Amino acid sequence: MKTTITQKGQVVIPAPIRKKRNIKVGQKFTVAEKGEKIILTPIKTLTPKKARGWLKTKQPAKMLLEKAREVDMQHERKLEQKRKTQ
């Protein structure tokens, strides 16, 4: 499949791929280079609706989600540093 980059630097992911990968409007991605390739990797997020009921704790869900997002961001930074050294 082919796509074109716009003047704003936007790239359209073809509809069959979006449907297959369940990519929704507003989905965030990391962007990396590997040789001559540009790699888009979806960032998985944990919403309160998905998290409800899976963890028994007295801490508020908002606090737990903030901690989880910070851990996720640290992990993404480590992966990005690893990609840069490859």
C-alpha atoms as a PDB file:
ATOM      1  CA  MET A   1       0.000   0.000   0.000  1.00  0.00           C
ATOM      2  CA  LYS A   2       1.063   3.557  -0.634  1.00  0.00           C
ATOM      3  CA  THR A   3       0.366   6.795   1.209  1.00  0.00           C
ATOM      4  CA  THR A   4       1.414  10.435   0.903  1.00  0.00           C
ATOM      5  CA  ILE A   5       2.736  12.910   3.434  1.00  0.00           C
ATOM      6  CA  THR A   6       0.920  16.262   3.647  1.00  0.00           C
ATOM      7  CA  GLN A   7       2.443  19.733   3.884  1.00  0.00           C
ATOM      8  CA  LYS A   8       1.845  19.537   7.633  1.00  0.00           C
ATOM      9  CA  GLY A   9       3.866  16.318   7.872  1.00  0.00           C
ATOM     10  CA  GLN A  10       0.812  14.123   8.370  1.00  0.00           C
ATOM     11  CA  VAL A  11       0.614  10.589   7.002  1.00  0.00           C
ATOM     12  CA  VAL A  12      -2.650   8.750   6.343  1.00  0.00           C
ATOM     13  CA  ILE A  13      -2.647   5.139   7.473  1.00  0.00           C
ATOM     14  CA  PRO A  14      -4.774   3.238   4.920  1.00  0.00           C
ATOM     15  CA  ALA A  15      -8.243   2.227   6.171  1.00  0.00           C
ATOM     16  CA  PRO A  16      -7.688  -1.564   5.887  1.00  0.00           C
ATOM     17  CA  ILE A  17      -4.673  -1.304   8.209  1.00  0.00           C
ATOM     18  CA  ARG A  18      -6.527   0.991  10.645  1.00  0.00           C
ATOM     19  CA  LYS A  19      -9.413  -1.480  10.802  1.00  0.00           C
ATOM     20  CA  LYS A  20      -7.158  -4.533  11.170  1.00  0.00           C
ATOM     21  CA  ARG A  21      -5.105  -2.864  13.944  1.00  0.00           C
ATOM     22  CA  ASN A  22      -8.137  -1.206  15.581  1.00  0.00           C
ATOM     23  CA  ILE A  23      -6.549   2.258  15.308  1.00  0.00           C
ATOM     24  CA  LYS A  24      -8.928   4.980  16.462  1.00  0.00           C
ATOM     25  CA  VAL A  25      -8.945   8.762  16.020  1.00  0.00           C
ATOM     26  CA  GLY A  26      -6.537  10.337  18.505  1.00  0.00           C
ATOM     27  CA  GLN A  27      -4.431   7.177  18.900  1.00  0.00           C
ATOM     28  CA  LYS A  28      -0.876   8.065  19.913  1.00  0.00           C
ATOM     29  CA  PHE A  29       2.243   6.499  18.407  1.00  0.00           C
ATOM     30  CA  THR A  30       5.968   6.479  18.971  1.00  0.00           C
ATOM     31  CA  VAL A  31       8.031   7.204  15.868  1.00  0.00           C
ATOM     32  CA  ALA A  32      11.434   5.612  15.344  1.00  0.00           C
ATOM     33  CA  GLU A  33      13.944   5.192  12.566  1.00  0.00           C
ATOM     34  CA  LYS A  34      15.621   1.889  11.789  1.00  0.00           C
ATOM     35  CA  GLY A  35      17.962   2.129   8.847  1.00  0.00           C
ATOM     36  CA  GLU A  36      15.896   3.439   5.946  1.00  0.00           C
ATOM     37  CA  LYS A  37      12.574   2.620   7.646  1.00  0.00           C
ATOM     38  CA  ILE A  38      10.272   4.802   9.735  1.00  0.00           C
ATOM     39  CA  ILE A  39       8.458   2.767  12.376  1.00  0.00           C
ATOM     40  CA  LEU A  40       5.149   3.817  13.966  1.00  0.00           C
ATOM     41  CA  THR A  41       4.292   1.916  17.148  1.00  0.00           C
ATOM     42  CA  PRO A  42       0.902   2.433  18.833  1.00  0.00           C
ATOM     43  CA  ILE A  43       1.096   3.530  22.464  1.00  0.00           C
ATOM     44  CA  LYS A  44      -1.254   1.458  24.573  1.00  0.00           C
ATOM     45  CA  THR A  45      -3.243   3.360  27.167  1.00  0.00           C
ATOM     46  CA  LEU A  46      -5.169   2.165  30.172  1.00  0.00           C
ATOM     47  CA  THR A  47      -8.478   3.922  30.596  1.00  0.00           C
ATOM     48  CA  PRO A  48     -10.390   4.001  33.883  1.00  0.00           C
ATOM     49  CA  LYS A  49     -13.194   2.001  32.237  1.00  0.00           C
ATOM     50  CA  LYS A  50     -10.767  -0.797  31.303  1.00  0.00           C
ATOM     51  CA  ALA A  51      -9.080  -0.698  34.716  1.00  0.00           C
ATOM     52  CA  ARG A  52     -12.272  -0.836  36.767  1.00  0.00           C
ATOM     53  CA  GLY A  53     -12.439  -3.878  39.031  1.00  0.00           C
ATOM     54  CA  TRP A  54      -9.126  -5.555  38.173  1.00  0.00           C
ATOM     55  CA  LEU A  55      -7.191  -4.226  41.148  1.00  0.00           C
ATOM     56  CA  LYS A  56      -8.381  -4.265  44.722  1.00  0.00           C
ATOM     57  CA  THR A  57      -6.859  -1.323  46.594  1.00  0.00           C
ATOM     58  CA  LYS A  58      -7.791   1.600  48.782  1.00  0.00           C
ATOM     59  CA  GLN A  59      -5.871   4.068  46.608  1.00  0.00           C
ATOM     60  CA  PRO A  60      -7.952   6.181  44.215  1.00  0.00           C
ATOM     61  CA  ALA A  61      -7.975   4.931  40.625  1.00  0.00           C
ATOM     62  CA  LYS A  62      -6.708   8.322  39.429  1.00  0.00           C
ATOM     63  CA  MET A  63      -3.550   7.957  41.531  1.00  0.00           C
ATOM     64  CA  LEU A  64      -2.963   4.407  40.302  1.00  0.00           C
ATOM     65  CA  LEU A  65      -3.411   5.472  36.671  1.00  0.00           C
ATOM     66  CA  GLU A  66      -0.972   8.353  37.119  1.00  0.00           C
ATOM     67  CA  LYS A  67       1.610   5.935  38.535  1.00  0.00           C
ATOM     68  CA  ALA A  68       0.976   3.469  35.704  1.00  0.00           C
ATOM     69  CA  ARG A  69       1.361   6.212  33.080  1.00  0.00           C
ATOM     70  CA  GLU A  70       4.654   7.348  34.644  1.00  0.00           C
ATOM     71  CA  VAL A  71       5.981   3.776  34.557  1.00  0.00           C
ATOM     72  CA  ASP A  72       4.828   3.497  30.933  1.00  0.00           C
ATOM     73  CA  MET A  73       6.553   6.773  30.012  1.00  0.00           C
ATOM     74  CA  GLN A  74       9.785   5.618  31.678  1.00  0.00           C
ATOM     75  CA  HIS A  75       9.579   2.376  29.711  1.00  0.00           C
ATOM     76  CA  GLU A  76       9.016   4.275  26.444  1.00  0.00           C
ATOM     77  CA  ARG A  77      12.050   6.499  27.166  1.00  0.00           C
ATOM     78  CA  LYS A  78      14.211   3.411  27.734  1.00  0.00           C
ATOM     79  CA  LEU A  79      12.955   1.850  24.491  1.00  0.00           C
ATOM     80  CA  GLU A  80      13.655   5.082  22.595  1.00  0.00           C
ATOM     81  CA  GLN A  81      17.206   5.218  23.956  1.00  0.00           C
ATOM     82  CA  LYS A  82      17.697   1.577  22.975  1.00  0.00           C
ATOM     83  CA  ARG A  83      16.413   2.268  19.433  1.00  0.00           C
ATOM     84  CA  LYS A  84      18.831   5.193  19.066  1.00  0.00           C
ATOM     85  CA  THR A  85      21.816   2.958  19.896  1.00  0.00           C
ATOM     86  CA  GLN A  86      20.843   0.274  17.369  1.00  0.00           C
END
